Protein backbone atom coordinates (compact mmCIF):
# COMPACT_ATOMS: atom_id res chain seq x y z
CA MET A 1 102.69 108.94 97.19
CA THR A 2 101.74 112.37 98.32
CA ILE A 3 98.70 113.76 100.09
CA ASP A 4 97.76 115.58 96.86
CA GLU A 5 97.85 112.31 94.88
CA LEU A 6 95.69 110.64 97.51
CA ARG A 7 93.23 113.55 97.51
CA ASP A 8 93.07 113.56 93.69
CA TYR A 9 92.41 109.82 93.62
CA TYR A 10 89.73 109.65 96.34
CA GLY A 11 88.35 113.18 96.29
CA ASN A 12 87.92 113.66 100.04
CA CYS A 13 88.39 111.87 103.34
CA ASN A 14 84.83 110.52 103.38
CA GLN A 15 85.24 108.84 99.99
CA PHE A 16 88.65 107.62 101.10
CA GLY A 17 87.07 105.97 104.15
CA LYS A 18 84.24 104.37 102.20
CA ARG A 19 86.43 103.02 99.41
CA THR A 20 89.36 101.79 101.52
CA ARG A 21 87.57 100.93 104.79
CA MET A 22 90.45 102.77 106.46
CA SER A 23 89.85 105.41 109.11
CA THR A 24 89.09 108.93 107.92
CA SER A 25 91.08 110.12 110.93
CA SER A 26 94.14 108.52 109.31
CA PHE A 27 93.57 110.62 106.21
CA LEU A 28 93.17 113.77 108.32
CA ASN A 29 96.31 112.96 110.34
CA TRP A 30 98.33 112.49 107.16
CA VAL A 31 97.17 115.89 105.94
CA LYS A 32 98.19 117.37 109.30
CA TRP A 33 101.58 115.64 109.26
CA GLY A 34 102.17 116.43 105.58
CA TYR A 35 102.98 112.85 104.60
CA ILE A 36 101.58 109.31 104.44
CA PRO A 37 103.56 106.71 106.44
CA ILE A 38 105.29 104.21 104.17
CA ALA A 39 103.37 101.20 105.56
CA SER A 40 100.10 102.95 104.73
CA GLN A 41 101.41 103.87 101.29
CA HIS A 42 102.11 100.20 100.60
CA LYS A 43 98.60 99.23 101.69
CA LEU A 44 97.09 101.93 99.45
CA GLU A 45 99.24 100.81 96.52
CA ILE A 46 97.76 97.32 96.85
CA LEU A 47 94.20 98.64 97.30
CA THR A 48 94.49 100.81 94.16
CA GLY A 49 96.07 98.08 92.06
CA GLY A 50 99.20 100.17 91.65
CA GLU A 51 97.43 103.33 90.50
CA LEU A 52 98.95 105.03 93.55
CA VAL A 53 102.59 104.10 94.14
CA ALA A 54 104.40 103.94 97.48
CA ARG A 55 107.58 106.02 97.46
CA VAL A 56 110.00 106.23 100.38
CA ARG A 57 111.16 109.67 99.20
CA ASP A 58 107.69 111.05 100.01
CA THR A 59 108.16 110.34 103.73
CA PRO A 60 110.34 112.34 106.13
CA LEU A 61 113.78 111.04 106.99
CA THR A 62 112.75 110.22 110.57
CA GLU A 63 109.97 107.96 109.26
CA ASN A 64 112.45 106.23 106.92
CA VAL A 65 115.00 105.63 109.70
CA ARG A 66 112.40 104.49 112.22
CA ARG A 67 110.98 101.92 109.82
CA GLY A 68 114.41 100.87 108.52
CA ALA A 69 113.52 101.86 104.95
CA ASN A 70 116.21 102.05 102.31
CA GLY A 71 116.28 104.22 99.23
């Protein structure tokens, strides 16, 4: 999932925080980094009932290697 998909789904970081009970600073860091870490993507996929989908290709190669992700 991309930052734009996350923003479209939740609207803003405050709504994101209220609806997910995740830190708004996480949202802001992801915007700054330009990607959502794959572990967080998986959590958000579960929280949204699959409306947002975790995709390894939306994370940088270094994140994929560090986490041992395939694909």
